[in-house]
Protein backbone atom coordinates (compact mmCIF):
# COMPACT_ATOMS: atom_id res chain seq x y z
CA MET A 1 -2.64 -14.92 -43.75
CA PRO A 2 -5.81 -14.38 -41.43
CA GLU A 3 -6.64 -17.69 -41.77
CA ALA A 4 -3.47 -19.49 -41.41
CA SER A 5 -3.33 -17.13 -37.61
CA LEU A 6 -6.53 -17.84 -36.52
CA PRO A 7 -5.64 -21.50 -35.44
CA SER A 8 -2.71 -20.44 -33.93
CA ALA A 9 -4.78 -18.31 -31.74
CA ARG A 10 -7.14 -20.41 -30.58
CA ARG A 11 -4.29 -22.83 -29.52
CA VAL A 12 -2.60 -20.13 -27.71
CA ALA A 13 -5.91 -19.23 -26.13
CA SER A 14 -6.50 -23.15 -25.33
CA GLU A 15 -2.94 -23.33 -24.01
CA ARG A 16 -3.56 -20.39 -21.48
CA ASN A 17 -6.88 -21.52 -20.23
CA PRO A 18 -5.47 -24.22 -18.04
CA ALA A 19 -3.18 -21.80 -16.35
CA ILE A 20 -6.08 -19.57 -15.76
CA ALA A 21 -8.23 -21.95 -14.33
CA ALA A 22 -5.15 -22.99 -12.22
CA ARG A 23 -4.98 -19.31 -11.15
CA ARG A 24 -8.42 -19.05 -10.30
CA ARG A 25 -8.40 -22.30 -8.25
CA MET A 26 -5.24 -20.95 -6.06
CA LEU A 27 -7.15 -17.74 -5.80
CA LEU A 28 -10.23 -19.27 -4.50
CA GLY A 29 -8.63 -21.77 -2.29
CA LEU A 30 -6.03 -18.53 -0.45
CA LEU A 31 -9.12 -16.13 -0.38
CA THR A 32 -10.86 -19.65 1.67
CA LEU A 33 -7.96 -20.05 3.77
CA LEU A 34 -8.11 -16.13 4.44
CA CYS A 35 -11.84 -16.23 5.11
CA LEU A 36 -11.42 -19.37 7.73
CA LEU A 37 -8.04 -17.63 9.70
CA PRO A 38 -9.73 -16.00 12.63
CA LEU A 39 -11.47 -19.81 13.58
CA PHE A 40 -7.93 -21.04 14.07
CA VAL A 41 -5.65 -17.85 15.77
CA ASN A 42 -5.85 -16.09 19.12
CA ASN A 43 -6.68 -12.35 19.69
CA TYR A 44 -2.95 -11.35 19.62
CA VAL A 45 -2.04 -13.28 16.44
CA GLN A 46 -5.51 -11.69 14.73
CA PHE A 47 -4.27 -8.30 15.95
CA VAL A 48 -0.75 -8.92 14.40
CA VAL A 49 -2.37 -10.27 11.05
CA ASN A 50 -4.48 -7.08 10.95
CA THR A 51 -1.46 -5.28 11.10
CA MET A 52 -0.12 -7.12 7.93
CA LEU A 53 -3.38 -6.05 5.94
CA VAL A 54 -2.95 -2.45 6.92
CA TYR A 55 0.82 -2.40 5.98
CA CYS A 56 -0.09 -4.27 2.30
CA LEU A 57 -2.25 -1.12 1.82
CA VAL A 58 0.65 1.01 2.61
CA ALA A 59 3.21 -1.06 0.34
CA VAL A 60 0.90 -1.34 -2.70
CA GLY A 61 -0.02 2.58 -2.42
CA PHE A 62 3.78 3.72 -2.11
CA ASN A 63 4.84 1.13 -4.88
CA VAL A 64 2.73 2.89 -7.43
CA VAL A 65 4.80 6.15 -7.06
CA LEU A 66 7.72 5.05 -6.24
CA GLY A 67 8.30 1.69 -8.05
CA TYR A 68 5.72 2.22 -11.19
CA LEU A 69 5.98 6.10 -11.75
CA GLY A 70 9.86 6.11 -11.01
CA GLN A 71 9.16 9.16 -8.78
CA LEU A 72 11.48 9.67 -5.87
CA ALA A 73 8.70 10.86 -3.22
CA PHE A 74 8.73 10.48 0.40
CA ALA A 75 4.96 11.45 1.70
CA ASN A 76 3.75 8.15 2.61
CA ALA A 77 3.94 8.84 6.20
CA ALA A 78 1.76 11.98 5.58
CA PHE A 79 -0.50 9.88 3.67
CA PHE A 80 -0.82 7.42 6.16
CA GLY A 81 -1.36 10.29 9.07
CA VAL A 82 -4.06 11.94 6.86
CA GLY A 83 -6.19 9.02 6.54
CA ALA A 84 -5.65 8.00 10.36
CA TYR A 85 -6.74 11.65 11.31
CA ALA A 86 -9.33 12.16 9.01
CA THR A 87 -10.95 9.02 10.15
CA GLY A 88 -10.27 9.14 13.69
CA LEU A 89 -11.58 13.11 14.05
CA SER A 90 -14.65 12.44 11.48
CA MET A 91 -15.62 9.70 14.13
CA VAL A 92 -14.94 11.46 17.18
CA HIS A 93 -16.13 15.17 16.08
CA TRP A 94 -19.14 13.94 13.49
CA GLY A 95 -19.80 10.55 14.81
CA LEU A 96 -19.39 8.88 11.58
CA SER A 97 -19.73 5.11 11.63
CA ALA A 98 -16.67 2.95 10.72
CA PRO A 99 -17.24 1.91 7.19
CA ALA A 100 -17.92 6.10 6.59
CA GLY A 101 -14.60 6.81 8.44
CA ILE A 102 -12.62 4.54 6.17
CA ALA A 103 -14.11 6.34 3.01
CA LEU A 104 -13.49 9.43 4.00
CA GLY A 105 -9.95 8.68 4.82
CA GLY A 106 -9.06 7.52 1.47
CA ILE A 107 -10.64 10.86 0.17
CA ALA A 108 -8.34 12.48 2.56
CA GLY A 109 -5.45 10.79 1.47
CA ALA A 110 -6.49 11.33 -2.42
CA ALA A 111 -7.09 15.17 -1.66
CA PHE A 112 -3.69 15.33 -0.22
CA GLY A 113 -2.12 12.91 -2.66
CA PHE A 114 -3.10 15.67 -5.44
CA VAL A 115 -1.29 18.73 -3.36
CA VAL A 116 1.78 16.66 -2.66
CA GLY A 117 1.78 15.58 -6.22
CA LEU A 118 1.90 19.34 -7.52
CA PRO A 119 5.65 19.66 -6.83
CA ALA A 120 6.11 16.42 -8.71
CA LEU A 121 5.66 18.99 -12.07
CA ARG A 122 8.33 21.13 -11.13
CA VAL A 123 10.84 19.40 -9.33
CA LYS A 124 12.28 15.43 -9.11
CA GLY A 125 14.82 13.75 -7.92
CA TYR A 126 16.31 14.34 -4.61
CA TYR A 127 14.80 17.96 -4.59
CA LEU A 128 11.56 15.87 -4.69
CA ALA A 129 12.70 13.77 -1.90
CA ILE A 130 13.36 16.68 0.30
CA ALA A 131 10.36 18.60 -0.22
CA THR A 132 8.21 15.39 0.31
CA LEU A 133 10.03 15.15 3.11
CA ALA A 134 9.47 18.39 4.40
CA VAL A 135 5.49 17.74 3.70
CA GLY A 136 5.59 14.88 6.29
CA GLU A 137 6.92 16.76 9.04
CA LEU A 138 4.90 19.72 8.34
CA MET A 139 1.86 17.55 8.79
CA ARG A 140 3.44 16.23 12.17
CA TRP A 141 3.92 19.95 13.16
CA LEU A 142 0.31 20.97 12.36
CA TYR A 143 -1.30 17.73 14.51
CA VAL A 144 0.60 18.88 17.41
CA HIS A 145 -0.08 22.44 17.68
CA SER A 146 -3.89 22.26 16.52
CA ASP A 147 -4.94 21.46 19.58
CA ARG A 148 -8.41 22.04 19.20
CA ILE A 149 -9.09 19.99 16.16
CA THR A 150 -6.58 17.25 16.59
CA PHE A 151 -5.98 17.09 20.53
CA GLY A 152 -2.49 17.93 20.06
CA PRO A 153 0.70 15.75 20.91
CA GLY A 154 -1.12 13.59 23.14
CA GLY A 155 -3.41 12.37 20.56
CA PHE A 156 -7.10 11.04 21.39
CA SER A 157 -9.04 7.62 21.38
CA LEU A 158 -11.72 6.36 18.75
CA PRO A 159 -14.83 5.55 20.16
CA ASP A 160 -15.88 1.98 20.16
CA ILE A 161 -15.71 0.33 16.86
CA ALA A 162 -19.03 -1.27 15.78
CA LEU A 163 -20.75 -2.27 12.40
CA PHE A 164 -24.63 -2.39 11.57
CA GLY A 165 -24.68 -2.09 15.64
CA LYS A 166 -22.59 -4.56 17.04
CA PRO A 167 -19.03 -3.99 18.34
CA LEU A 168 -16.41 -5.31 16.28
CA ASN A 169 -13.79 -7.65 17.63
CA GLU A 170 -10.32 -8.33 16.63
CA ALA A 171 -11.71 -10.68 14.22
CA GLY A 172 -14.81 -8.68 12.95
CA LYS A 173 -12.13 -6.25 12.44
CA TYR A 174 -10.28 -8.80 10.22
CA TYR A 175 -13.15 -9.53 7.69
CA LEU A 176 -13.82 -5.69 7.40
CA PHE A 177 -9.82 -4.82 6.65
CA LEU A 178 -9.67 -7.77 4.64
CA ALA A 179 -12.46 -6.69 2.39
CA VAL A 180 -11.22 -3.42 2.29
CA VAL A 181 -7.92 -4.29 1.28
CA ALA A 182 -8.75 -7.08 -1.10
CA LEU A 183 -11.08 -3.98 -3.38
CA ALA A 184 -7.81 -1.61 -2.80
CA ILE A 185 -5.47 -4.19 -4.28
CA ALA A 186 -7.83 -5.38 -7.09
CA ALA A 187 -8.44 -2.01 -8.29
CA THR A 188 -4.72 -0.90 -8.43
CA SER A 189 -4.07 -4.23 -10.01
CA LEU A 190 -6.32 -3.04 -12.91
CA LEU A 191 -5.02 0.21 -12.94
CA LEU A 192 -1.56 -0.83 -13.32
CA ARG A 193 -2.56 -3.07 -15.93
CA SER A 194 -4.58 -0.40 -18.25
CA ARG A 195 -3.16 2.16 -20.32
CA PHE A 196 -2.73 4.20 -17.53
CA GLY A 197 -0.30 1.80 -15.54
CA ARG A 198 1.17 1.32 -18.71
CA ALA A 199 2.13 5.39 -18.98
CA PHE A 200 3.46 5.29 -15.05
CA VAL A 201 5.89 2.80 -16.59
CA ALA A 202 6.71 4.92 -20.00
CA ILE A 203 7.34 8.11 -17.60
CA ARG A 204 9.76 5.90 -14.98
CA ASN A 205 11.89 4.73 -17.98
CA ASN A 206 11.74 7.83 -20.21
CA GLU A 207 10.04 10.79 -19.74
CA ARG A 208 10.78 12.07 -22.42
CA ALA A 209 10.25 9.53 -24.82
CA ALA A 210 6.82 9.23 -23.30
CA ALA A 211 5.98 12.36 -24.22
CA SER A 212 6.96 11.98 -27.61
CA LEU A 213 4.04 8.98 -27.74
CA GLY A 214 1.46 11.54 -26.50
CA ILE A 215 1.41 10.65 -22.89
CA ASP A 216 0.48 13.73 -20.46
CA GLY A 217 3.23 13.51 -18.12
CA ARG A 218 1.51 16.08 -15.63
CA ARG A 219 -1.74 14.32 -15.86
CA MET A 220 -0.18 10.65 -15.21
CA LYS A 221 2.01 12.00 -12.15
CA ILE A 222 -1.20 13.51 -10.68
CA LEU A 223 -3.27 10.36 -11.16
CA ALA A 224 -0.63 8.38 -9.88
CA PHE A 225 -0.06 10.68 -6.66
CA VAL A 226 -4.04 10.59 -5.90
CA TRP A 227 -3.80 7.15 -6.28
CA SER A 228 -1.11 6.39 -4.14
CA GLY A 229 -2.61 8.78 -1.50
CA MET A 230 -5.85 7.24 -1.46
CA ILE A 231 -4.63 3.57 -1.22
CA VAL A 232 -2.46 4.98 1.65
CA GLY A 233 -4.94 7.02 3.28
CA LEU A 234 -7.02 3.59 3.40
CA GLY A 235 -4.33 1.95 4.95
CA GLY A 236 -4.25 4.73 7.83
CA ALA A 237 -7.77 4.55 8.63
CA LEU A 238 -7.39 1.05 9.15
CA PHE A 239 -4.39 1.80 11.36
CA ALA A 240 -6.56 4.09 13.27
CA LEU A 241 -9.55 1.54 13.64
CA LEU A 242 -7.12 -1.08 14.55
CA ASN A 243 -5.48 0.48 17.41
CA GLY A 244 -8.25 2.45 18.65
CA ARG A 245 -5.77 5.74 19.09
CA VAL A 246 -4.00 8.23 17.01
CA SER A 247 -1.47 9.87 17.86
CA PRO A 248 1.00 12.36 16.03
CA ASP A 249 4.24 10.60 16.87
CA THR A 250 3.13 7.75 14.78
CA PHE A 251 3.86 9.56 11.74
CA GLY A 252 7.47 10.47 11.63
CA LEU A 253 10.42 9.42 10.20
CA SER A 254 10.61 6.20 11.44
CA GLN A 255 7.15 5.46 9.81
CA LEU A 256 8.71 6.23 6.67
CA LEU A 257 11.28 4.09 7.13
CA MET A 258 9.09 1.28 7.48
CA HIS A 259 7.36 1.72 4.56
CA PHE A 260 10.78 2.29 2.63
CA ALA A 261 11.79 -1.19 3.75
CA ILE A 262 8.92 -2.72 2.87
CA VAL A 263 9.02 -1.72 -0.77
CA MET A 264 12.57 -2.49 -1.14
CA VAL A 265 12.26 -5.75 0.45
CA GLY A 266 9.29 -6.93 -1.45
CA GLY A 267 10.25 -5.47 -5.12
CA LEU A 268 9.86 -2.15 -6.55
CA GLY A 269 7.42 -2.01 -9.33
CA ASN A 270 5.64 -5.46 -7.82
CA LEU A 271 2.19 -5.96 -6.30
CA ALA A 272 2.48 -9.48 -5.46
CA GLY A 273 6.36 -8.56 -3.81
CA SER A 274 4.20 -5.65 -1.45
CA VAL A 275 2.40 -8.13 -0.11
CA VAL A 276 4.77 -10.13 0.78
CA GLY A 277 6.96 -7.39 1.98
CA ALA A 278 4.36 -6.16 4.14
CA VAL A 279 3.54 -9.64 5.64
CA LEU A 280 7.38 -10.16 6.39
CA LEU A 281 8.68 -7.05 8.19
CA THR A 282 5.23 -6.83 9.98
CA GLY A 283 5.51 -10.25 11.26
CA ALA A 284 9.01 -10.75 11.57
CA PRO A 285 9.22 -8.34 14.63
CA GLU A 286 6.55 -10.26 16.76
CA VAL A 287 8.56 -13.24 15.79
CA PHE A 288 11.97 -11.67 17.75
CA ARG A 289 9.92 -10.08 20.25
CA ASN A 290 10.95 -11.68 23.09
CA PHE A 291 14.48 -11.62 22.26
CA PRO A 292 15.81 -8.00 22.84
CA GLY A 293 18.11 -6.60 20.25
CA LEU A 294 17.72 -9.70 17.76
CA GLU A 295 14.47 -7.90 16.28
CA GLU A 296 16.69 -4.93 14.77
CA ILE A 297 19.24 -7.21 13.78
CA VAL A 298 17.17 -9.50 11.72
CA PHE A 299 15.27 -6.54 10.21
CA SER A 300 18.51 -4.81 9.14
CA THR A 301 20.23 -8.41 8.00
CA MET A 302 16.93 -8.82 5.61
CA LEU A 303 17.28 -5.54 4.10
CA ILE A 304 20.78 -5.67 3.54
CA PHE A 305 20.95 -8.94 2.17
CA VAL A 306 18.09 -8.23 -0.25
CA ILE A 307 19.61 -4.72 -1.51
CA PHE A 308 22.98 -6.52 -2.10
CA LEU A 309 21.97 -10.18 -3.46
CA MET A 310 18.16 -9.71 -4.33
CA PRO A 311 17.97 -6.09 -5.53
CA ARG A 312 14.83 -7.01 -7.50
CA GLY A 313 13.40 -8.03 -4.18
CA ILE A 314 11.26 -10.57 -3.19
CA GLY A 315 8.82 -9.87 -6.04
CA GLY A 316 11.53 -10.33 -8.64
CA LEU A 317 11.95 -13.73 -7.27
CA LEU A 318 8.37 -14.44 -7.65
CA ALA A 319 8.14 -13.40 -10.97
CA ASP A 320 11.06 -15.55 -12.06
CA VAL A 321 9.67 -18.67 -10.56
CA PHE A 322 5.65 -17.80 -11.61
CA PRO A 323 5.73 -16.19 -14.91
CA LEU A 324 2.07 -15.37 -14.84
CA LEU A 325 3.01 -13.18 -11.79
CA ARG A 326 5.37 -11.13 -13.81
CA GLU A 327 2.59 -10.72 -16.79
CA ARG A 328 -0.07 -9.73 -14.42
CA LEU A 329 1.45 -7.92 -11.44
CA TYR A 330 4.89 -6.97 -12.70
CA ARG A 331 6.59 -4.24 -14.32
CA GLU A 332 10.55 -4.23 -14.10
CA PRO A 333 12.46 -1.17 -13.54
């Protein structure tokens, strides 16, 4: 039997090799286009693209908890704000460089993710949603009333951003952001394809059945919240550097609704869909900015269309068209 199965295994491997090679060529081509992009766009378009990169991290981090772990937790805007404030305040008070500030934003997001993950060990469903919403509003209250540290309701401006002693323009920020986003998404993809990612999906599908298989649900939930907080915290750090200013009114319910819409349009449990959703819902308002009122109409129509006619999101459609994406980047709820 082993001898008979050996040729079959080799044949399967040989059949997969062309697909793997094609995927690598496609990825290399995409990275090449992304690296050359600043040569063909103006500063305004570059700013919009940089914003898309920020929200790619936000969507990917949110999807870890909402789509893969299946927890109805809405602390994403809080993670986003913690990352932005940690980065901005460290650069203002301590004089940290931009890369060090970004790293600190990710660490602060991870630490806050651990704190927010603790209630998920005791409550779930709507109770968890309400608790995590309250956490986000509590953080906004702290930003407003901690004047000596956070500069109060008016917020604060970041110092000029430099890397290796050279100030960064929009194109320079783009390359820094692209490196952070690529590393964060690659690391998240590896995590979700590991035994930890499979444990997240098992808990989402049936927590009791997962426990019967020896999966420590408490540990996996904490890990998912910590990872989500770190990725979204990195997004908040990039957001602070992108705008050069941080203020508490940026991290309210409207920000959370934007995050939720991106994940729903992109598709729950889908990394590729998270990226596509971030690009669409960040870019669409800019396209229709010169048409008052049309921006909100397009945004609402897109969300309604996806919920009713494409409930698995754009990522589900991509998984059907490109089976390789299903294998590597998709875990259907």
